[in-house]
Protein backbone atom coordinates (compact mmCIF):
# COMPACT_ATOMS: atom_id res chain seq x y z
CA MET A 1 40.40 -8.80 -4.94
CA LYS A 2 40.71 -11.73 -2.49
CA ASP A 3 38.39 -9.95 0.09
CA PHE A 4 35.57 -10.19 -2.45
CA LEU A 5 35.99 -14.17 -2.68
CA GLN A 6 35.48 -14.78 1.19
CA ASN A 7 32.73 -17.70 0.37
CA LYS A 8 34.16 -21.10 1.03
CA ILE A 9 32.74 -22.24 -2.26
CA PHE A 10 35.65 -20.04 -4.13
CA ASN A 11 38.45 -21.83 -2.10
CA ILE A 12 36.88 -25.42 -3.07
CA ILE A 13 36.57 -24.57 -6.59
CA SER A 14 40.35 -23.17 -6.57
CA GLU A 15 41.37 -26.64 -5.02
CA ALA A 16 39.48 -28.71 -7.64
CA ALA A 17 40.90 -26.58 -10.49
CA ASP A 18 44.30 -26.76 -9.37
CA GLU A 19 44.12 -30.58 -8.86
CA GLN A 20 43.01 -30.86 -12.36
CA ASN A 21 45.44 -28.50 -13.70
CA GLN A 22 42.80 -26.16 -15.34
CA GLU A 23 42.78 -22.45 -15.55
CA CYS A 24 39.68 -21.40 -13.78
CA TYR A 25 37.83 -17.67 -13.35
CA VAL A 26 34.66 -16.55 -12.01
CA ILE A 27 33.43 -13.90 -14.65
CA GLY A 28 30.42 -11.87 -15.77
CA GLY A 29 27.72 -10.33 -13.83
CA PHE A 30 28.89 -11.60 -10.27
CA VAL A 31 32.32 -9.89 -11.01
CA ARG A 32 30.59 -6.50 -12.10
CA ASP A 33 28.20 -6.72 -9.16
CA ILE A 34 31.13 -7.11 -6.73
CA PHE A 35 32.45 -3.69 -7.85
CA LEU A 36 28.72 -2.17 -7.79
CA ASN A 37 28.26 -3.54 -4.29
CA ARG A 38 25.20 -5.32 -5.50
CA PRO A 39 24.19 -8.51 -4.18
CA SER A 40 24.51 -11.55 -6.56
CA LYS A 41 23.93 -15.39 -6.04
CA ASP A 42 24.47 -16.55 -9.56
CA ILE A 43 28.15 -17.23 -10.08
CA ASP A 44 29.56 -17.91 -13.39
CA VAL A 45 32.83 -19.85 -13.73
CA VAL A 46 34.79 -20.23 -16.94
CA VAL A 47 37.34 -23.02 -17.20
CA VAL A 48 39.92 -23.34 -19.72
CA GLY A 49 38.90 -27.14 -20.66
CA SER A 50 35.93 -28.88 -19.36
CA GLY A 51 33.53 -27.12 -17.15
CA ILE A 52 31.47 -30.16 -16.60
CA GLU A 53 34.51 -32.08 -15.31
CA LEU A 54 35.41 -29.55 -12.77
CA ALA A 55 31.78 -29.12 -11.83
CA LYS A 56 31.83 -32.80 -10.93
CA ARG A 57 35.04 -32.54 -8.61
CA VAL A 58 33.45 -29.58 -6.92
CA ALA A 59 30.33 -31.16 -6.30
CA ALA A 60 32.13 -34.41 -4.74
CA LYS A 61 34.20 -32.15 -2.46
CA LEU A 62 30.99 -30.32 -1.28
CA GLY A 63 29.28 -33.97 -0.69
CA LYS A 64 25.53 -34.55 -0.12
CA LYS A 65 24.54 -30.76 0.50
CA ALA A 66 25.45 -29.87 -2.88
CA ASN A 67 23.24 -30.58 -6.10
CA LEU A 68 24.81 -31.14 -9.25
CA SER A 69 23.12 -30.92 -13.01
CA VAL A 70 25.02 -31.70 -16.15
CA PHE A 71 23.73 -30.26 -19.52
CA LYS A 72 26.11 -32.22 -21.67
CA ASN A 73 24.45 -30.66 -25.03
CA PHE A 74 25.51 -27.35 -23.72
CA GLY A 75 28.78 -28.40 -22.23
CA THR A 76 27.82 -26.72 -19.07
CA ALA A 77 27.10 -27.95 -15.26
CA GLN A 78 25.57 -26.20 -12.34
CA VAL A 79 26.19 -26.63 -8.80
CA LYS A 80 23.61 -25.56 -6.26
CA LEU A 81 24.65 -24.91 -2.48
CA ASN A 82 22.05 -23.56 -0.33
CA ASP A 83 20.82 -20.39 -2.04
CA LEU A 84 24.15 -20.22 -4.37
CA GLU A 85 24.06 -21.32 -7.94
CA VAL A 86 27.47 -21.86 -9.69
CA GLU A 87 27.42 -22.32 -13.32
CA PHE A 88 30.56 -24.21 -14.93
CA VAL A 89 31.35 -23.68 -18.47
CA GLY A 90 34.33 -24.41 -20.59
CA ALA A 91 36.17 -21.19 -22.17
CA ARG A 92 34.88 -20.84 -25.99
CA ARG A 93 35.04 -19.10 -29.06
CA GLU A 94 31.79 -18.45 -31.08
CA SER A 95 31.06 -17.85 -34.87
CA TYR A 96 27.58 -17.10 -36.04
CA GLN A 97 25.62 -17.61 -39.15
CA ARG A 98 23.14 -14.71 -40.32
CA ASP A 99 19.70 -16.22 -39.65
CA SER A 100 20.49 -17.62 -36.03
CA ARG A 101 21.76 -16.44 -32.78
CA ASN A 102 22.71 -19.53 -31.82
CA PRO A 103 26.64 -19.86 -32.24
CA ILE A 104 28.88 -22.33 -33.73
CA VAL A 105 30.91 -23.07 -30.68
CA GLU A 106 34.43 -24.33 -30.40
CA ASP A 107 36.92 -24.72 -27.33
CA GLY A 108 38.98 -21.34 -26.76
CA THR A 109 41.16 -19.52 -24.27
CA LEU A 110 39.88 -16.92 -21.66
CA GLU A 111 40.70 -14.16 -24.20
CA ASP A 112 38.34 -15.83 -26.74
CA ASP A 113 35.53 -15.94 -24.07
CA GLN A 114 35.99 -12.52 -22.82
CA ASN A 115 35.98 -11.41 -26.46
CA ARG A 116 32.44 -13.09 -26.96
CA ARG A 117 30.84 -11.31 -24.04
CA ASP A 118 28.20 -8.63 -24.48
CA PHE A 119 29.72 -5.62 -22.49
CA THR A 120 32.94 -4.61 -21.11
CA ILE A 121 31.70 -4.70 -17.68
CA ASN A 122 30.43 -8.19 -17.96
CA ALA A 123 33.81 -9.28 -19.41
CA LEU A 124 35.69 -8.96 -16.06
CA ALA A 125 37.23 -12.05 -14.75
CA LEU A 126 38.82 -13.20 -11.24
CA CYS A 127 41.29 -15.95 -11.35
CA LEU A 128 40.51 -18.64 -8.88
CA ASN A 129 43.84 -20.75 -9.30
CA LYS A 130 45.73 -20.55 -5.94
CA ASP A 131 49.01 -19.07 -7.53
CA ARG A 132 46.77 -16.19 -8.89
CA PHE A 133 43.73 -16.14 -6.59
CA GLY A 134 41.71 -12.99 -7.00
CA GLU A 135 43.78 -11.44 -9.84
CA LEU A 136 41.52 -9.24 -12.07
CA VAL A 137 41.68 -9.78 -15.65
CA ASP A 138 40.34 -6.78 -17.42
CA PRO A 139 41.43 -6.63 -21.27
CA PHE A 140 38.65 -4.04 -22.27
CA GLY A 141 38.73 -1.42 -19.51
CA GLY A 142 35.52 -2.53 -17.96
CA ILE A 143 36.58 -1.24 -14.52
CA GLU A 144 36.85 2.25 -15.99
CA ASP A 145 33.45 1.74 -17.78
CA LEU A 146 32.11 0.83 -14.38
CA LYS A 147 33.52 4.09 -12.84
CA ASN A 148 32.08 6.20 -15.74
CA PHE A 149 28.66 4.28 -15.66
CA VAL A 150 29.34 3.38 -19.34
CA LEU A 151 27.86 0.39 -21.43
CA ARG A 152 30.28 -0.47 -24.25
CA THR A 153 30.88 -3.68 -26.38
CA PRO A 154 34.32 -5.38 -26.01
CA LEU A 155 34.56 -5.67 -29.65
CA ASN A 156 33.00 -3.84 -32.74
CA PRO A 157 29.26 -3.22 -31.64
CA ASP A 158 27.68 -3.96 -35.19
CA ILE A 159 29.30 -7.31 -35.03
CA THR A 160 28.38 -8.05 -31.34
CA PHE A 161 24.70 -7.08 -32.06
CA SER A 162 24.50 -8.58 -35.33
CA ASP A 163 25.62 -11.74 -34.09
CA ASP A 164 23.18 -11.85 -31.05
CA PRO A 165 20.50 -9.20 -31.32
CA LEU A 166 19.21 -10.11 -27.62
CA ARG A 167 22.28 -8.33 -26.56
CA MET A 168 20.73 -5.07 -27.66
CA MET A 169 17.90 -5.82 -25.42
CA ARG A 170 20.17 -6.57 -22.59
CA GLY A 171 22.17 -3.35 -22.97
CA ILE A 172 18.84 -1.39 -22.75
CA ARG A 173 17.83 -3.41 -19.59
CA PHE A 174 21.38 -2.69 -18.08
CA SER A 175 20.87 0.80 -18.60
CA SER A 176 17.36 0.71 -16.73
CA GLN A 177 18.66 -1.58 -13.88
CA LEU A 178 21.99 -0.03 -13.27
CA GLY A 179 21.70 3.68 -14.60
CA PHE A 180 24.43 3.19 -16.87
CA PHE A 181 24.64 5.11 -20.24
CA LEU A 182 24.98 3.38 -23.61
CA GLU A 183 28.34 4.84 -25.19
CA SER A 184 27.38 6.46 -28.37
CA ASN A 185 28.93 4.06 -30.94
CA THR A 186 27.08 1.40 -29.06
CA PHE A 187 23.83 3.33 -29.15
CA ASP A 188 24.23 3.89 -32.92
CA ALA A 189 24.79 0.29 -33.47
CA ILE A 190 21.71 -0.84 -31.83
CA ALA A 191 19.80 1.68 -33.97
CA ARG A 192 21.69 0.32 -37.15
CA ASN A 193 21.04 -3.33 -36.07
CA LYS A 194 17.38 -2.99 -34.68
CA GLU A 195 15.94 -5.19 -37.51
CA ARG A 196 18.14 -8.05 -36.35
CA ILE A 197 15.71 -8.30 -33.51
CA GLU A 198 13.31 -10.18 -35.73
CA ILE A 199 15.48 -13.55 -35.40
CA ILE A 200 14.92 -13.55 -31.52
CA SER A 201 12.07 -15.51 -30.04
CA LYS A 202 9.18 -13.67 -28.48
CA GLU A 203 9.58 -15.40 -25.09
CA ARG A 204 13.30 -13.86 -24.72
CA ILE A 205 12.37 -10.44 -25.74
CA ALA A 206 9.51 -10.69 -23.03
CA GLU A 207 11.92 -11.94 -20.62
CA GLU A 208 14.03 -8.69 -21.16
CA LEU A 209 10.73 -6.62 -21.09
CA ASN A 210 9.91 -7.90 -17.86
CA LYS A 211 13.44 -7.10 -16.30
CA ILE A 212 13.16 -3.52 -17.68
CA ILE A 213 9.78 -3.36 -16.11
CA LEU A 214 10.91 -4.61 -12.84
CA SER A 215 14.10 -2.10 -13.07
CA ARG A 216 14.33 0.73 -10.71
CA LYS A 217 13.36 3.38 -13.36
CA PRO A 218 11.75 1.56 -16.23
CA SER A 219 11.17 4.64 -18.47
CA ILE A 220 14.85 4.83 -19.09
CA GLY A 221 14.67 1.52 -20.87
CA PHE A 222 11.40 2.26 -22.78
CA ILE A 223 12.67 5.63 -23.91
CA LEU A 224 16.10 3.98 -25.33
CA LEU A 225 13.78 1.25 -26.98
CA GLU A 226 11.91 4.15 -28.74
CA LYS A 227 15.14 6.16 -29.63
CA THR A 228 17.00 3.20 -30.93
CA GLY A 229 13.84 2.16 -33.10
CA LEU A 230 13.26 -1.29 -31.28
CA LEU A 231 10.01 -0.04 -29.77
CA GLU A 232 8.32 0.23 -33.24
CA LEU A 233 9.33 -3.61 -34.04
CA ILE A 234 8.50 -5.18 -30.50
CA PHE A 235 5.75 -3.17 -29.27
CA PRO A 236 4.09 -0.87 -31.84
CA GLU A 237 0.86 -0.06 -29.54
CA LEU A 238 3.20 1.69 -26.91
CA LEU A 239 4.96 3.64 -29.56
CA ALA A 240 1.39 4.55 -30.84
CA LEU A 241 0.91 6.78 -27.71
CA LYS A 242 3.76 9.00 -28.51
CA GLY A 243 3.19 12.75 -29.63
CA ALA A 244 1.17 15.53 -28.71
CA GLU A 245 -1.17 16.85 -31.24
CA THR A 246 -2.50 20.38 -31.62
CA LYS A 247 -5.72 21.26 -33.41
CA ASP A 248 -7.62 24.80 -33.49
CA GLY A 249 -5.07 25.89 -30.72
CA VAL A 250 -6.19 22.86 -28.47
CA GLY A 251 -3.48 20.13 -27.87
CA HIS A 252 -3.31 17.12 -25.62
CA LYS A 253 -0.15 15.72 -23.60
CA ASP A 254 2.05 13.24 -24.97
CA ASN A 255 0.54 9.89 -23.68
CA PHE A 256 3.87 8.04 -24.04
CA TYR A 257 5.52 10.19 -21.66
CA HIS A 258 2.64 10.30 -19.41
CA THR A 259 2.51 6.36 -19.34
CA LEU A 260 6.03 6.34 -18.38
CA ALA A 261 5.64 8.80 -15.69
CA VAL A 262 3.03 6.80 -14.21
CA LEU A 263 4.90 3.57 -14.42
CA ASP A 264 7.92 5.36 -12.60
CA GLY A 265 5.73 6.74 -9.87
CA LEU A 266 4.03 3.28 -9.30
CA CYS A 267 7.34 1.41 -8.90
CA GLU A 268 8.27 3.46 -6.02
CA HIS A 269 5.45 1.72 -4.33
CA THR A 270 5.41 -1.78 -5.49
CA ASP A 271 7.51 -4.53 -6.97
CA ASN A 272 4.34 -6.48 -8.42
CA LEU A 273 5.39 -7.13 -12.09
CA TRP A 274 1.75 -7.32 -13.36
CA LEU A 275 0.59 -4.03 -11.58
CA ARG A 276 3.56 -2.39 -13.25
CA TRP A 277 2.28 -3.99 -16.86
CA ALA A 278 -1.09 -2.55 -15.84
CA ALA A 279 0.61 0.90 -15.44
CA LEU A 280 2.29 0.73 -18.68
CA LEU A 281 -1.04 -0.45 -20.61
CA HIS A 282 -3.72 1.51 -18.57
CA ASP A 283 -3.82 4.05 -21.51
CA ILE A 284 -2.93 1.66 -24.38
CA GLY A 285 -6.54 2.34 -26.00
CA LYS A 286 -6.05 6.07 -26.36
CA PRO A 287 -4.70 6.01 -29.89
CA ARG A 288 -7.66 4.18 -31.18
CA SER A 289 -10.22 6.27 -29.22
CA LYS A 290 -8.85 9.55 -29.77
CA ARG A 291 -11.31 12.15 -31.45
CA PHE A 292 -11.35 15.94 -31.97
CA ASP A 293 -14.64 17.64 -30.95
CA ALA A 294 -14.92 21.31 -31.74
CA ARG A 295 -16.86 21.79 -28.52
CA MET A 296 -14.92 19.63 -26.32
CA GLY A 297 -11.55 19.52 -27.74
CA TRP A 298 -9.52 16.25 -27.61
CA THR A 299 -11.34 12.98 -26.27
CA PHE A 300 -10.46 9.57 -25.61
CA HIS A 301 -13.99 8.22 -24.50
CA ASN A 302 -13.95 4.69 -23.28
CA HIS A 303 -10.14 4.19 -24.04
CA ASN A 304 -10.15 1.90 -20.75
CA PHE A 305 -12.67 -0.46 -22.44
CA VAL A 306 -10.84 -0.20 -25.80
CA GLY A 307 -7.66 -0.94 -24.00
CA GLU A 308 -9.14 -3.91 -22.42
CA LYS A 309 -10.19 -5.61 -25.72
CA MET A 310 -6.79 -4.77 -27.10
CA LEU A 311 -4.84 -6.92 -24.43
CA PRO A 312 -5.58 -10.49 -25.24
CA GLU A 313 -3.88 -9.83 -28.67
CA ILE A 314 -0.80 -8.12 -27.48
CA PHE A 315 -0.39 -10.64 -24.68
CA LYS A 316 -0.61 -13.64 -27.01
CA ARG A 317 1.82 -12.02 -29.82
CA MET A 318 4.26 -11.14 -26.95
CA LYS A 319 4.05 -14.77 -25.47
CA LEU A 320 3.00 -13.04 -22.30
CA PRO A 321 0.72 -15.32 -19.88
CA THR A 322 -2.90 -15.43 -21.21
CA ASN A 323 -4.07 -16.76 -17.96
CA GLU A 324 -4.99 -14.96 -14.70
CA LYS A 325 -2.27 -12.64 -15.26
CA LEU A 326 -3.88 -11.16 -18.31
CA LYS A 327 -7.34 -11.01 -16.43
CA TYR A 328 -5.84 -9.22 -13.61
CA VAL A 329 -4.19 -6.48 -16.06
CA GLN A 330 -7.41 -6.31 -18.10
CA LYS A 331 -9.49 -5.76 -14.95
CA LEU A 332 -7.11 -2.82 -13.63
CA VAL A 333 -6.90 -1.27 -17.18
CA THR A 334 -10.92 -1.55 -17.60
CA LEU A 335 -11.42 0.16 -13.90
CA HIS A 336 -8.71 2.66 -13.91
CA MET A 337 -10.95 5.66 -14.66
CA ARG A 338 -13.60 4.69 -11.93
CA PRO A 339 -11.57 5.92 -8.75
CA ILE A 340 -10.66 8.98 -10.74
CA VAL A 341 -14.08 9.68 -11.61
CA LEU A 342 -15.23 9.29 -8.10
CA SER A 343 -12.57 11.55 -6.62
CA GLU A 344 -13.90 14.13 -8.87
CA GLU A 345 -17.62 13.89 -7.86
CA GLU A 346 -19.55 13.38 -4.56
CA VAL A 347 -18.72 10.32 -3.24
CA THR A 348 -21.85 8.06 -2.92
CA ASP A 349 -22.20 4.68 -0.89
CA SER A 350 -23.48 3.09 -3.88
CA ALA A 351 -20.65 3.96 -6.09
CA ILE A 352 -18.25 2.73 -3.61
CA ARG A 353 -20.19 -0.47 -3.14
CA ARG A 354 -19.91 -0.99 -6.98
CA LEU A 355 -16.18 -0.48 -7.08
CA LEU A 356 -15.68 -2.64 -4.40
CA PHE A 357 -17.60 -5.36 -5.85
CA ASP A 358 -15.91 -4.95 -9.33
CA ALA A 359 -12.22 -4.72 -8.03
CA GLY A 360 -12.77 -7.51 -5.68
CA ASP A 361 -9.38 -8.11 -3.92
CA ASP A 362 -7.58 -5.90 -6.33
CA ILE A 363 -8.85 -2.76 -5.03
CA ASP A 364 -5.79 -1.87 -3.19
CA ASP A 365 -3.57 -2.36 -6.33
CA LEU A 366 -6.37 -0.23 -8.52
CA MET A 367 -6.25 2.61 -6.08
CA MET A 368 -2.22 2.43 -6.01
CA LEU A 369 -2.51 2.61 -9.92
CA CYS A 370 -4.89 5.51 -10.00
CA GLU A 371 -2.84 7.70 -7.62
CA ALA A 372 0.21 7.01 -9.77
CA ASP A 373 -1.95 8.20 -12.83
CA ILE A 374 -1.87 11.90 -11.37
CA THR A 375 0.98 13.18 -13.01
CA SER A 376 -0.15 16.94 -13.49
CA LYS A 377 2.42 19.65 -13.47
CA ASN A 378 -0.12 21.73 -11.42
CA PRO A 379 0.94 21.20 -7.93
CA ASP A 380 -2.62 22.42 -6.77
CA LYS A 381 -4.40 20.04 -9.11
CA VAL A 382 -2.31 17.20 -7.68
CA LYS A 383 -2.80 17.88 -3.95
CA ARG A 384 -6.67 18.24 -4.69
CA PHE A 385 -6.73 14.99 -6.26
CA ARG A 386 -4.56 13.34 -3.73
CA SER A 387 -6.76 14.71 -0.97
CA ASN A 388 -9.72 13.43 -2.89
CA PHE A 389 -8.16 9.90 -3.33
CA GLN A 390 -7.80 9.91 0.52
CA LEU A 391 -11.43 10.41 1.11
CA VAL A 392 -12.40 7.71 -1.62
CA ARG A 393 -9.88 5.21 0.25
CA LYS A 394 -11.69 6.24 3.57
CA LYS A 395 -15.13 5.59 2.26
CA LEU A 396 -13.82 2.37 0.82
CA LYS A 397 -12.70 0.99 4.32
CA GLU A 398 -15.97 2.22 5.94
CA ILE A 399 -18.20 0.61 3.43
CA GLU A 400 -16.20 -2.55 3.25
CA GLU A 401 -16.32 -3.03 6.97
CA LYS A 402 -20.13 -2.23 7.08
CA ASP A 403 -21.51 -4.00 3.94
CA LYS A 404 -18.83 -6.61 3.19
CA VAL A 405 -19.26 -6.47 -0.65
CA ARG A 406 -15.79 -7.08 -1.90
CA ASN A 407 -16.10 -10.36 -4.06
CA PHE A 408 -19.54 -10.92 -2.58
CA GLN A 409 -21.92 -13.36 -4.17
CA PRO A 410 -25.81 -12.28 -3.80
CA PRO A 411 -27.25 -14.37 -0.77
CA ILE A 412 -29.87 -16.11 -3.09
CA SER A 413 -28.40 -18.51 -5.56
CA GLY A 414 -29.68 -19.19 -9.15
CA GLN A 415 -30.55 -22.55 -8.11
CA GLU A 416 -32.89 -21.36 -5.33
CA ILE A 417 -34.66 -18.91 -7.58
CA MET A 418 -35.45 -21.87 -9.88
CA GLU A 419 -36.66 -23.94 -7.13
CA THR A 420 -38.63 -21.52 -5.39
CA PHE A 421 -40.52 -20.50 -8.53
CA ASN A 422 -40.29 -23.73 -10.40
CA LEU A 423 -38.36 -22.02 -13.27
CA PRO A 424 -36.01 -23.71 -15.73
CA ALA A 425 -32.87 -21.86 -16.24
CA CYS A 426 -33.69 -18.96 -18.07
CA ALA A 427 -33.13 -15.12 -18.49
CA THR A 428 -35.94 -14.33 -15.87
CA VAL A 429 -33.78 -16.25 -13.27
CA GLY A 430 -31.05 -14.13 -14.23
CA GLU A 431 -32.78 -10.81 -14.06
CA ILE A 432 -34.13 -11.80 -10.37
CA LYS A 433 -30.51 -12.48 -9.51
CA MET A 434 -29.08 -9.22 -11.10
CA ARG A 435 -31.86 -7.34 -9.31
CA ILE A 436 -30.83 -8.56 -5.84
CA LYS A 437 -27.36 -7.84 -6.42
CA ASP A 438 -27.96 -4.43 -7.52
CA ALA A 439 -30.41 -3.67 -4.76
CA ILE A 440 -27.67 -4.67 -2.26
CA LEU A 441 -24.92 -2.62 -4.12
CA ASP A 442 -27.14 0.46 -4.22
CA GLY A 443 -28.06 0.00 -0.66
CA ILE A 444 -31.89 -0.58 -0.99
CA ILE A 445 -31.40 -3.78 1.05
CA PRO A 446 -28.69 -4.98 3.33
CA ASN A 447 -26.30 -7.91 2.12
CA GLU A 448 -28.23 -10.48 4.21
CA TYR A 449 -30.21 -13.98 3.22
CA GLU A 450 -33.54 -12.91 4.78
CA ALA A 451 -33.80 -9.24 3.27
CA ALA A 452 -32.60 -10.86 -0.10
CA LYS A 453 -35.14 -13.64 -0.03
CA LYS A 454 -38.15 -10.92 0.81
CA TYR A 455 -36.84 -9.02 -1.92
CA MET A 456 -36.53 -11.78 -4.30
CA SER A 457 -40.38 -12.36 -3.88
CA GLU A 458 -41.23 -8.60 -4.57
CA VAL A 459 -39.05 -8.54 -7.73
CA ALA A 460 -40.84 -12.10 -8.95
CA LYS A 461 -44.36 -10.37 -8.18
CA GLU A 462 -43.40 -7.57 -10.31
CA LEU A 463 -42.22 -9.70 -13.16
CA GLY A 464 -45.40 -11.85 -13.11
CA VAL A 465 -43.71 -14.91 -11.61
CA ASN A 466 -45.80 -16.93 -9.20
CA GLY A 467 -44.25 -19.04 -6.65
């Protein structure tokens, strides 16, 4: 194992630990990722004794290039060296009270520390002391579980998850990130202990959801959340999409699995977290807008607008940012039907101008979302839609180059309208400005000042306003 510990930081930690006669191990995700050939820059070091004292000695050896942070209340310290972060903590044993995931902590042995880990693959430890440098300590068969792509708790999973329910979310996140399977007893224990998630803060849950969404195949995580019963507790609006209903022989697709297919498809092209959230939420308004019409079958009229109005409450409850991130997701949810409608109809310059104006700089993200939204099992239909989308993209480029309407503001300001016609701020000013904007978007006049000024006079005359 010495080959995996080539970075000089480990030799310095080894020297410092031996000088202080402390047992010292690198443990957890860094060790796991060595065996998975995944890059990892966050290093956790567990010390039998004071982690803070060892961190101080290591920082002193590294000199000015290292940055030391001590967190006395938590008994931990961090040493930063360039892009590496090494976290030092004393080995500990933990006990929990029913109403909190914050443990009562006591000093412990390496065995105690490994017992408290969430999964066997995260309980692997490599000794850093000189006489045992690189020796693997694997009391729970974590290496075997790595080989078999299995997630299993070191101890009784009911106790592991009841003590710290966030571990349930972490297990599902690891499934999504690593492509591992939850071992059956571990899976069943999550289902049995799902109600315990209620003691976890919304912020920590959102953090895990973000990591699931950013994983290589998020659908794995969301399907596990649904099957274990956690989804109903943390994100009921998403669960409401589940199910395909049939009436009078007419059915509709399962919008839950459709949504996950859209999300997975989008993930092949972007790492943008909030664009991925938009994919997850693009049809969130469908359950509330679903109707059955004897003539038309199942309809979801205006589900995009319904979804847009649902988002502020969802973001607020889930402690997601209610700033420009929310506005961005709302915009994409609102507009996600527009390019699809355009691709089914004759693409007019006016419609393209309006789409460019409404989407602004997010037009490329919107098009990416809409193309991922094509999940039909009919290959001819998919081919036709993709071909039509290429036409829409071509027109978008042409119109933008010609008319420059992305994020444009009408050439005539409200202030100029008021001064020209001696008007106070009023509805008439707003109407003149809107008519100028619409005339540009509809191609009646070019996006130029003189043309807009002339048109302003015509509109004012029509409205009975005298300059």
